[in-house]
Amino acid sequence: MPVATRHTVNDPYMKLINEFPLRRIKSAASHAKAAKLVLRLSNEPADRGTADYLDILIDLIVDYEKRSNQRIDTSKVSAAD
């Protein structure tokens, strides 16, 4: 049976996968980490791989927020805002 080995990864997409794997978010701690990563990536220039990663990560965050019934309070926001 082959043995898995770690290799140095130079591809930005794979570096992000190693930092925070794209899988269903199941805890508040993972959600917080994912949200922090989105903020960081949103403030940096993105190549295609990073943009693709960010798209999926945002979908996973939205899915978690829906499943955990998180809501944004918009009661003090007007259409002009």
Protein backbone atom coordinates (compact mmCIF):
# COMPACT_ATOMS: atom_id res chain seq x y z
CA MET A 1 0.00 0.00 0.00
CA PRO A 2 1.46 3.43 -0.93
CA VAL A 3 2.34 5.79 1.87
CA ALA A 4 1.05 9.38 1.67
CA THR A 5 3.70 12.04 1.94
CA ARG A 6 3.50 15.80 2.34
CA HIS A 7 4.81 17.99 -0.41
CA THR A 8 5.46 21.70 -0.44
CA VAL A 9 2.56 23.39 -2.19
CA ASN A 10 3.06 26.58 -4.19
CA ASP A 11 -0.44 26.76 -5.67
CA PRO A 12 -2.46 29.44 -3.77
CA TYR A 13 -5.66 27.34 -4.00
CA MET A 14 -4.02 24.29 -2.44
CA LYS A 15 -2.41 26.43 0.27
CA LEU A 16 -5.90 27.65 1.19
CA ILE A 17 -7.23 24.07 1.17
CA ASN A 18 -4.45 23.12 3.60
CA GLU A 19 -5.21 26.15 5.80
CA PHE A 20 -8.98 25.60 5.90
CA PRO A 21 -10.35 22.56 4.02
CA LEU A 22 -13.57 23.11 2.08
CA ARG A 23 -16.07 20.93 3.90
CA ARG A 24 -19.34 21.49 5.72
CA ILE A 25 -18.98 23.88 8.66
CA LYS A 26 -20.32 22.20 11.79
CA SER A 27 -19.33 24.44 14.71
CA ALA A 28 -19.31 28.06 15.78
CA ALA A 29 -15.53 27.92 16.07
CA SER A 30 -15.14 26.72 12.46
CA HIS A 31 -17.64 29.35 11.35
CA ALA A 32 -15.63 32.09 13.07
CA LYS A 33 -12.41 30.86 11.49
CA ALA A 34 -14.04 30.74 8.05
CA ALA A 35 -15.48 34.24 8.43
CA LYS A 36 -12.09 35.60 9.46
CA LEU A 37 -10.50 33.96 6.43
CA VAL A 38 -13.13 35.48 4.11
CA LEU A 39 -12.37 38.94 5.48
CA ARG A 40 -8.65 38.42 4.97
CA LEU A 41 -9.04 37.09 1.43
CA SER A 42 -11.51 39.82 0.50
CA ASN A 43 -8.90 42.46 1.24
CA GLU A 44 -6.19 40.89 -0.92
CA PRO A 45 -5.79 40.66 -4.69
CA ALA A 46 -7.15 37.27 -5.79
CA ASP A 47 -6.04 34.93 -8.54
CA ARG A 48 -8.54 32.54 -10.12
CA GLY A 49 -7.89 29.76 -7.59
CA THR A 50 -8.33 32.09 -4.63
CA ALA A 51 -11.53 33.51 -6.12
CA ASP A 52 -12.92 29.99 -6.65
CA TYR A 53 -11.97 29.01 -3.09
CA LEU A 54 -13.62 32.15 -1.71
CA ASP A 55 -16.84 31.45 -3.65
CA ILE A 56 -17.16 27.98 -2.14
CA LEU A 57 -16.16 29.11 1.35
CA ILE A 58 -18.86 31.80 1.31
CA ASP A 59 -21.42 29.17 0.23
CA LEU A 60 -20.36 26.97 3.15
CA ILE A 61 -20.69 29.89 5.58
CA VAL A 62 -24.17 30.76 4.28
CA ASP A 63 -25.19 27.10 4.57
CA TYR A 64 -24.00 26.95 8.20
CA GLU A 65 -25.78 30.21 9.06
CA LYS A 66 -29.04 28.89 7.58
CA ARG A 67 -28.75 25.55 9.40
CA SER A 68 -27.99 27.28 12.71
CA ASN A 69 -30.83 29.81 12.22
CA GLN A 70 -28.55 32.83 12.36
CA ARG A 71 -30.35 35.98 11.30
CA ILE A 72 -29.19 39.52 10.65
CA ASP A 73 -31.20 42.17 12.47
CA THR A 74 -32.36 44.59 9.77
CA SER A 75 -34.97 46.34 11.89
CA LYS A 76 -32.90 49.54 12.05
CA VAL A 77 -31.89 49.56 8.39
CA SER A 78 -33.82 51.60 5.83
CA ALA A 79 -33.92 51.21 2.07
CA ALA A 80 -31.73 54.33 1.82
CA ASP A 81 -28.94 52.61 3.79
